[in-house]
Amino acid sequence: MTKNKLIFGILFLLLQGLLGCSHAITVKGKVTFSDGTPLEIGKVVFENDQRTFTGKIQKEGTFSMGQLKEGQGIPPGKYRVYISEAFLEEFSPGSPFPKVTQLIAKKYRKPQTSGLEYDIQEKTTDISIVIEKP
């Protein structure tokens, strides 16, 4: 092997490691309550010890992650999942503070208590998350 080929090979491996996501997966899903109604606001968060990925929940309860550019997404692996920002703020006349209404049970707001874990693999693209109301 020539010196140039060796250097090129090492650079290629380093770049691939830095860019990661060469096998990233676009993950789509839906968040519903146990009665079948969709959660219409908030964010779904997938995290492990290395990374965190977030998908905004749409009106119909759907979310997606990894669609910014081709090849971007969630690398395969096991993830803890929780829901953030799933609340409504209502301002009353004369009150400087909003009334905050939580839309989901408290346990789903933290990865340590949600009980939601997913093993994302090459063929994992559609996830159904079922949660409870407060």
N, C-alpha and C. Protein backbone atom coordinates (compact mmCIF):
# COMPACT_ATOMS: atom_id res chain seq x y z
N MET A 1 0.85 -1.17 0.00
CA MET A 1 0.00 0.00 0.00
C MET A 1 0.90 1.24 0.00
N THR A 2 0.57 2.17 -0.86
CA THR A 2 1.38 3.38 -0.93
C THR A 2 1.03 4.29 0.24
N LYS A 3 1.96 5.20 0.49
CA LYS A 3 1.78 6.15 1.59
C LYS A 3 0.53 7.01 1.38
N ASN A 4 0.29 7.45 0.13
CA ASN A 4 -0.89 8.29 -0.17
C ASN A 4 -2.20 7.54 0.08
N LYS A 5 -2.24 6.26 -0.32
CA LYS A 5 -3.45 5.48 -0.08
C LYS A 5 -3.71 5.29 1.41
N LEU A 6 -2.65 5.08 2.15
CA LEU A 6 -2.78 4.91 3.60
C LEU A 6 -3.30 6.19 4.24
N ILE A 7 -2.74 7.33 3.87
CA ILE A 7 -3.20 8.61 4.41
C ILE A 7 -4.65 8.86 4.02
N PHE A 8 -5.00 8.60 2.75
CA PHE A 8 -6.38 8.79 2.29
C PHE A 8 -7.33 7.90 3.09
N GLY A 9 -6.95 6.66 3.32
CA GLY A 9 -7.79 5.73 4.07
C GLY A 9 -8.01 6.19 5.50
N ILE A 10 -6.96 6.68 6.14
CA ILE A 10 -7.09 7.17 7.52
C ILE A 10 -7.98 8.41 7.56
N LEU A 11 -7.79 9.33 6.63
CA LEU A 11 -8.63 10.53 6.58
C LEU A 11 -10.09 10.18 6.34
N PHE A 12 -10.34 9.23 5.46
CA PHE A 12 -11.71 8.80 5.17
C PHE A 12 -12.38 8.25 6.43
N LEU A 13 -11.68 7.40 7.17
CA LEU A 13 -12.24 6.83 8.39
C LEU A 13 -12.48 7.90 9.45
N LEU A 14 -11.55 8.86 9.57
CA LEU A 14 -11.74 9.95 10.52
C LEU A 14 -12.95 10.80 10.18
N LEU A 15 -13.09 11.15 8.90
CA LEU A 15 -14.23 11.95 8.47
C LEU A 15 -15.54 11.21 8.69
N GLN A 16 -15.54 9.94 8.38
CA GLN A 16 -16.76 9.15 8.57
C GLN A 16 -17.12 9.10 10.05
N GLY A 17 -16.14 8.99 10.92
CA GLY A 17 -16.39 8.98 12.36
C GLY A 17 -16.90 10.32 12.86
N LEU A 18 -16.32 11.41 12.34
CA LEU A 18 -16.76 12.74 12.76
C LEU A 18 -18.17 13.06 12.28
N LEU A 19 -18.48 12.68 11.06
CA LEU A 19 -19.79 12.97 10.51
C LEU A 19 -20.85 12.03 11.07
N GLY A 20 -20.43 10.84 11.47
CA GLY A 20 -21.37 9.87 12.02
C GLY A 20 -22.52 9.65 11.05
N CYS A 21 -23.67 9.42 11.53
CA CYS A 21 -24.94 9.41 10.80
C CYS A 21 -24.91 8.81 9.41
N SER A 22 -23.89 8.03 9.06
CA SER A 22 -23.90 7.42 7.73
C SER A 22 -25.01 6.37 7.64
N HIS A 23 -25.41 5.84 8.77
CA HIS A 23 -26.52 4.88 8.81
C HIS A 23 -27.65 5.44 9.64
N ALA A 24 -27.84 6.74 9.56
CA ALA A 24 -28.89 7.38 10.35
C ALA A 24 -30.26 7.02 9.79
N ILE A 25 -31.23 6.98 10.66
CA ILE A 25 -32.56 6.54 10.31
C ILE A 25 -33.56 7.66 10.56
N THR A 26 -34.42 7.90 9.59
CA THR A 26 -35.50 8.85 9.79
C THR A 26 -36.58 8.15 10.60
N VAL A 27 -36.93 8.73 11.73
CA VAL A 27 -37.92 8.14 12.61
C VAL A 27 -39.18 9.01 12.58
N LYS A 28 -40.30 8.38 12.33
CA LYS A 28 -41.60 9.05 12.35
C LYS A 28 -42.47 8.33 13.35
N GLY A 29 -43.46 9.03 13.85
CA GLY A 29 -44.35 8.36 14.78
C GLY A 29 -45.54 9.21 15.14
N LYS A 30 -46.27 8.70 16.12
CA LYS A 30 -47.47 9.39 16.58
C LYS A 30 -47.57 9.20 18.09
N VAL A 31 -47.95 10.29 18.77
CA VAL A 31 -48.15 10.24 20.21
C VAL A 31 -49.65 10.36 20.47
N THR A 32 -50.20 9.35 21.14
CA THR A 32 -51.63 9.37 21.47
C THR A 32 -51.81 9.04 22.94
N PHE A 33 -52.97 9.41 23.44
CA PHE A 33 -53.36 9.02 24.79
C PHE A 33 -53.98 7.63 24.71
N SER A 34 -54.14 7.00 25.85
CA SER A 34 -54.69 5.63 25.87
C SER A 34 -56.10 5.57 25.31
N ASP A 35 -56.82 6.70 25.28
CA ASP A 35 -58.16 6.70 24.70
C ASP A 35 -58.15 6.92 23.18
N GLY A 36 -56.95 7.02 22.60
CA GLY A 36 -56.81 7.16 21.15
C GLY A 36 -56.69 8.57 20.63
N THR A 37 -56.95 9.58 21.47
CA THR A 37 -56.82 10.96 21.00
C THR A 37 -55.35 11.36 20.92
N PRO A 38 -54.99 12.18 19.93
CA PRO A 38 -53.59 12.56 19.78
C PRO A 38 -53.17 13.66 20.75
N LEU A 39 -51.91 13.63 21.16
CA LEU A 39 -51.30 14.76 21.86
C LEU A 39 -50.97 15.77 20.76
N GLU A 40 -51.43 16.99 20.89
CA GLU A 40 -51.33 17.96 19.80
C GLU A 40 -50.24 19.00 19.97
N ILE A 41 -49.47 18.93 21.04
CA ILE A 41 -48.43 19.93 21.28
C ILE A 41 -47.31 19.29 22.10
N GLY A 42 -46.10 19.77 21.91
CA GLY A 42 -44.97 19.29 22.68
C GLY A 42 -43.84 18.81 21.79
N LYS A 43 -42.89 18.14 22.41
CA LYS A 43 -41.74 17.59 21.70
C LYS A 43 -41.47 16.18 22.20
N VAL A 44 -41.11 15.30 21.28
CA VAL A 44 -40.67 13.96 21.63
C VAL A 44 -39.15 14.01 21.67
N VAL A 45 -38.57 13.49 22.74
CA VAL A 45 -37.11 13.52 22.90
C VAL A 45 -36.59 12.10 23.02
N PHE A 46 -35.65 11.76 22.14
CA PHE A 46 -34.94 10.48 22.19
C PHE A 46 -33.53 10.79 22.68
N GLU A 47 -33.07 10.09 23.72
CA GLU A 47 -31.71 10.33 24.20
C GLU A 47 -31.05 9.04 24.65
N ASN A 48 -29.73 9.04 24.53
CA ASN A 48 -28.93 7.99 25.13
C ASN A 48 -27.75 8.68 25.81
N ASP A 49 -26.73 7.95 26.20
CA ASP A 49 -25.62 8.56 26.91
C ASP A 49 -24.77 9.48 26.03
N GLN A 50 -24.89 9.36 24.71
CA GLN A 50 -24.09 10.17 23.81
C GLN A 50 -24.84 11.33 23.16
N ARG A 51 -26.12 11.14 22.83
CA ARG A 51 -26.81 12.13 22.01
C ARG A 51 -28.26 12.29 22.39
N THR A 52 -28.82 13.42 21.92
CA THR A 52 -30.24 13.72 22.13
C THR A 52 -30.84 14.18 20.81
N PHE A 53 -32.02 13.68 20.49
CA PHE A 53 -32.74 14.04 19.26
C PHE A 53 -34.16 14.47 19.64
N THR A 54 -34.66 15.51 18.98
CA THR A 54 -35.96 16.06 19.31
C THR A 54 -36.82 16.20 18.06
N GLY A 55 -38.10 15.87 18.21
CA GLY A 55 -39.06 16.04 17.12
C GLY A 55 -40.29 16.77 17.63
N LYS A 56 -40.70 17.81 16.93
CA LYS A 56 -41.87 18.59 17.33
C LYS A 56 -43.15 17.81 17.01
N ILE A 57 -44.06 17.80 17.98
CA ILE A 57 -45.34 17.12 17.80
C ILE A 57 -46.29 18.05 17.06
N GLN A 58 -46.89 17.53 16.01
CA GLN A 58 -47.83 18.29 15.18
C GLN A 58 -49.26 18.11 15.70
N LYS A 59 -50.20 18.85 15.14
CA LYS A 59 -51.62 18.82 15.58
C LYS A 59 -52.22 17.42 15.63
N GLU A 60 -51.86 16.57 14.68
CA GLU A 60 -52.45 15.23 14.64
C GLU A 60 -51.71 14.24 15.54
N GLY A 61 -50.73 14.74 16.31
CA GLY A 61 -49.95 13.88 17.20
C GLY A 61 -48.72 13.29 16.55
N THR A 62 -48.49 13.61 15.27
CA THR A 62 -47.35 13.04 14.56
C THR A 62 -46.07 13.83 14.83
N PHE A 63 -44.95 13.14 14.67
CA PHE A 63 -43.64 13.77 14.80
C PHE A 63 -42.68 13.08 13.83
N SER A 64 -41.60 13.75 13.51
CA SER A 64 -40.54 13.13 12.71
C SER A 64 -39.20 13.72 13.09
N MET A 65 -38.18 12.90 12.93
CA MET A 65 -36.80 13.31 13.23
C MET A 65 -35.90 12.78 12.14
N GLY A 66 -34.94 13.60 11.75
CA GLY A 66 -33.94 13.13 10.80
C GLY A 66 -34.25 13.43 9.36
N GLN A 67 -35.01 14.49 9.08
CA GLN A 67 -35.35 14.79 7.70
C GLN A 67 -34.76 16.10 7.21
N LEU A 68 -33.77 16.63 7.90
CA LEU A 68 -33.18 17.89 7.46
C LEU A 68 -32.44 17.73 6.15
N LYS A 69 -31.61 16.71 6.07
CA LYS A 69 -30.86 16.41 4.85
C LYS A 69 -30.76 14.90 4.72
N GLU A 70 -30.53 14.45 3.50
CA GLU A 70 -30.33 13.02 3.25
C GLU A 70 -29.19 12.52 4.11
N GLY A 71 -29.39 11.40 4.77
CA GLY A 71 -28.33 10.81 5.59
C GLY A 71 -28.35 11.28 7.03
N GLN A 72 -29.15 12.29 7.35
CA GLN A 72 -29.24 12.73 8.73
C GLN A 72 -30.40 12.00 9.39
N GLY A 73 -30.28 11.80 10.66
CA GLY A 73 -31.33 11.11 11.39
C GLY A 73 -30.79 10.59 12.69
N ILE A 74 -31.40 9.55 13.18
CA ILE A 74 -31.00 8.96 14.44
C ILE A 74 -30.14 7.73 14.17
N PRO A 75 -28.94 7.69 14.71
CA PRO A 75 -28.12 6.48 14.55
C PRO A 75 -28.78 5.30 15.27
N PRO A 76 -28.62 4.11 14.76
CA PRO A 76 -29.19 2.93 15.43
C PRO A 76 -28.72 2.85 16.88
N GLY A 77 -29.59 2.35 17.74
CA GLY A 77 -29.23 2.18 19.14
C GLY A 77 -30.45 2.25 20.04
N LYS A 78 -30.21 2.09 21.33
CA LYS A 78 -31.28 2.14 22.32
C LYS A 78 -31.40 3.56 22.85
N TYR A 79 -32.65 4.02 22.98
CA TYR A 79 -32.92 5.39 23.42
C TYR A 79 -33.99 5.42 24.50
N ARG A 80 -33.77 6.30 25.49
CA ARG A 80 -34.81 6.64 26.46
C ARG A 80 -35.64 7.73 25.80
N VAL A 81 -36.95 7.69 26.00
CA VAL A 81 -37.83 8.64 25.34
C VAL A 81 -38.71 9.32 26.37
N TYR A 82 -38.89 10.62 26.20
CA TYR A 82 -39.80 11.37 27.04
C TYR A 82 -40.43 12.50 26.23
N ILE A 83 -41.42 13.16 26.83
CA ILE A 83 -42.16 14.23 26.16
C ILE A 83 -41.87 15.53 26.90
N SER A 84 -41.52 16.58 26.17
CA SER A 84 -41.30 17.89 26.79
C SER A 84 -42.25 18.92 26.18
N GLU A 85 -42.43 20.00 26.91
CA GLU A 85 -43.22 21.15 26.44
C GLU A 85 -44.67 20.80 26.09
N ALA A 86 -45.25 19.84 26.80
CA ALA A 86 -46.64 19.45 26.54
C ALA A 86 -47.56 20.11 27.56
N PHE A 87 -47.71 21.41 27.41
CA PHE A 87 -48.56 22.17 28.32
C PHE A 87 -49.18 23.36 27.58
N LEU A 88 -50.23 23.90 28.18
CA LEU A 88 -50.89 25.10 27.64
C LEU A 88 -50.75 26.22 28.66
N GLU A 89 -50.53 27.43 28.18
CA GLU A 89 -50.50 28.60 29.04
C GLU A 89 -51.69 29.49 28.70
N GLU A 90 -52.44 29.85 29.71
CA GLU A 90 -53.60 30.72 29.52
C GLU A 90 -53.43 31.95 30.41
N PHE A 91 -53.55 33.12 29.81
CA PHE A 91 -53.43 34.37 30.57
C PHE A 91 -54.82 34.88 30.91
N SER A 92 -55.01 35.23 32.16
CA SER A 92 -56.28 35.81 32.61
C SER A 92 -56.11 37.32 32.69
N PRO A 93 -57.16 38.06 32.38
CA PRO A 93 -57.07 39.51 32.50
C PRO A 93 -56.70 39.92 33.93
N GLY A 94 -55.73 40.81 34.04
CA GLY A 94 -55.32 41.33 35.34
C GLY A 94 -54.30 40.47 36.06
N SER A 95 -53.99 39.28 35.56
CA SER A 95 -53.01 38.40 36.21
C SER A 95 -51.70 38.46 35.44
N PRO A 96 -50.59 38.72 36.14
CA PRO A 96 -49.30 38.78 35.44
C PRO A 96 -48.74 37.40 35.09
N PHE A 97 -49.30 36.36 35.68
CA PHE A 97 -48.79 35.01 35.46
C PHE A 97 -49.81 34.15 34.73
N PRO A 98 -49.34 33.31 33.82
CA PRO A 98 -50.28 32.45 33.11
C PRO A 98 -50.68 31.24 33.95
N LYS A 99 -51.84 30.71 33.65
CA LYS A 99 -52.26 29.44 34.23
C LYS A 99 -51.69 28.36 33.32
N VAL A 100 -50.93 27.44 33.90
CA VAL A 100 -50.28 26.38 33.12
C VAL A 100 -51.05 25.08 33.32
N THR A 101 -51.47 24.48 32.22
CA THR A 101 -52.18 23.21 32.25
C THR A 101 -51.30 22.13 31.63
N GLN A 102 -50.88 21.16 32.43
CA GLN A 102 -50.08 20.05 31.92
C GLN A 102 -50.99 19.09 31.17
N LEU A 103 -50.58 18.68 29.98
CA LEU A 103 -51.41 17.81 29.15
C LEU A 103 -51.09 16.33 29.33
N ILE A 104 -49.95 16.03 29.94
CA ILE A 104 -49.54 14.63 30.09
C ILE A 104 -49.23 14.32 31.55
N ALA A 105 -49.27 13.05 31.89
CA ALA A 105 -48.91 12.63 33.24
C ALA A 105 -47.44 12.98 33.51
N LYS A 106 -47.16 13.33 34.75
CA LYS A 106 -45.84 13.80 35.16
C LYS A 106 -44.71 12.83 34.79
N LYS A 107 -44.96 11.55 34.89
CA LYS A 107 -43.90 10.56 34.65
C LYS A 107 -43.32 10.63 33.24
N TYR A 108 -44.09 11.10 32.26
CA TYR A 108 -43.61 11.14 30.87
C TYR A 108 -42.71 12.34 30.57
N ARG A 109 -42.51 13.21 31.55
CA ARG A 109 -41.73 14.43 31.33
C ARG A 109 -40.24 14.26 31.57
N LYS A 110 -39.81 13.10 32.07
CA LYS A 110 -38.39 12.84 32.34
C LYS A 110 -38.00 11.47 31.79
N PRO A 111 -36.79 11.35 31.27
CA PRO A 111 -36.36 10.05 30.73
C PRO A 111 -36.24 8.99 31.82
N GLN A 112 -35.94 9.40 33.04
CA GLN A 112 -35.76 8.45 34.13
C GLN A 112 -37.08 7.83 34.59
N THR A 113 -38.20 8.49 34.33
CA THR A 113 -39.48 8.00 34.85
C THR A 113 -40.51 7.64 33.77
N SER A 114 -40.23 7.98 32.52
CA SER A 114 -41.24 7.78 31.47
C SER A 114 -41.56 6.31 31.21
N GLY A 115 -40.58 5.45 31.38
CA GLY A 115 -40.78 4.04 31.06
C GLY A 115 -40.79 3.77 29.56
N LEU A 116 -40.50 4.80 28.76
CA LEU A 116 -40.49 4.65 27.31
C LEU A 116 -39.06 4.45 26.81
N GLU A 117 -38.81 3.33 26.17
CA GLU A 117 -37.51 3.04 25.57
C GLU A 117 -37.72 2.40 24.22
N TYR A 118 -36.90 2.78 23.26
CA TYR A 118 -37.01 2.23 21.92
C TYR A 118 -35.63 1.86 21.42
N ASP A 119 -35.56 0.73 20.72
CA ASP A 119 -34.33 0.28 20.09
C ASP A 119 -34.47 0.60 18.60
N ILE A 120 -33.82 1.66 18.18
CA ILE A 120 -33.92 2.12 16.79
C ILE A 120 -32.94 1.29 15.95
N GLN A 121 -33.47 0.63 14.94
CA GLN A 121 -32.66 -0.17 14.03
C GLN A 121 -32.94 0.27 12.60
N GLU A 122 -32.24 -0.34 11.66
CA GLU A 122 -32.35 0.05 10.25
C GLU A 122 -33.79 0.11 9.76
N LYS A 123 -34.64 -0.78 10.21
CA LYS A 123 -36.00 -0.84 9.69
C LYS A 123 -37.02 -0.15 10.60
N THR A 124 -36.54 0.48 11.68
CA THR A 124 -37.45 1.18 12.59
C THR A 124 -37.72 2.57 12.03
N THR A 125 -38.91 2.81 11.56
CA THR A 125 -39.22 4.14 11.02
C THR A 125 -40.52 4.69 11.55
N ASP A 126 -41.40 3.86 12.05
CA ASP A 126 -42.70 4.33 12.50
C ASP A 126 -42.94 3.85 13.92
N ILE A 127 -43.06 4.80 14.85
CA ILE A 127 -43.18 4.46 16.27
C ILE A 127 -44.50 4.99 16.80
N SER A 128 -45.17 4.18 17.58
CA SER A 128 -46.41 4.57 18.24
C SER A 128 -46.13 4.73 19.72
N ILE A 129 -46.35 5.94 20.25
CA ILE A 129 -46.14 6.22 21.67
C ILE A 129 -47.51 6.47 22.30
N VAL A 130 -47.84 5.65 23.30
CA VAL A 130 -49.13 5.79 23.98
C VAL A 130 -48.84 6.23 25.42
N ILE A 131 -49.48 7.34 25.81
CA ILE A 131 -49.26 7.90 27.13
C ILE A 131 -50.59 8.14 27.86
N GLU A 132 -50.49 8.51 29.13
CA GLU A 132 -51.67 8.78 29.95
C GLU A 132 -51.82 10.29 30.18
N LYS A 133 -53.05 10.71 30.38
CA LYS A 133 -53.33 12.10 30.75
C LYS A 133 -53.03 12.27 32.24
N PRO A 134 -52.86 13.52 32.69
CA PRO A 134 -52.57 13.74 34.13
C PRO A 134 -53.76 13.37 35.02
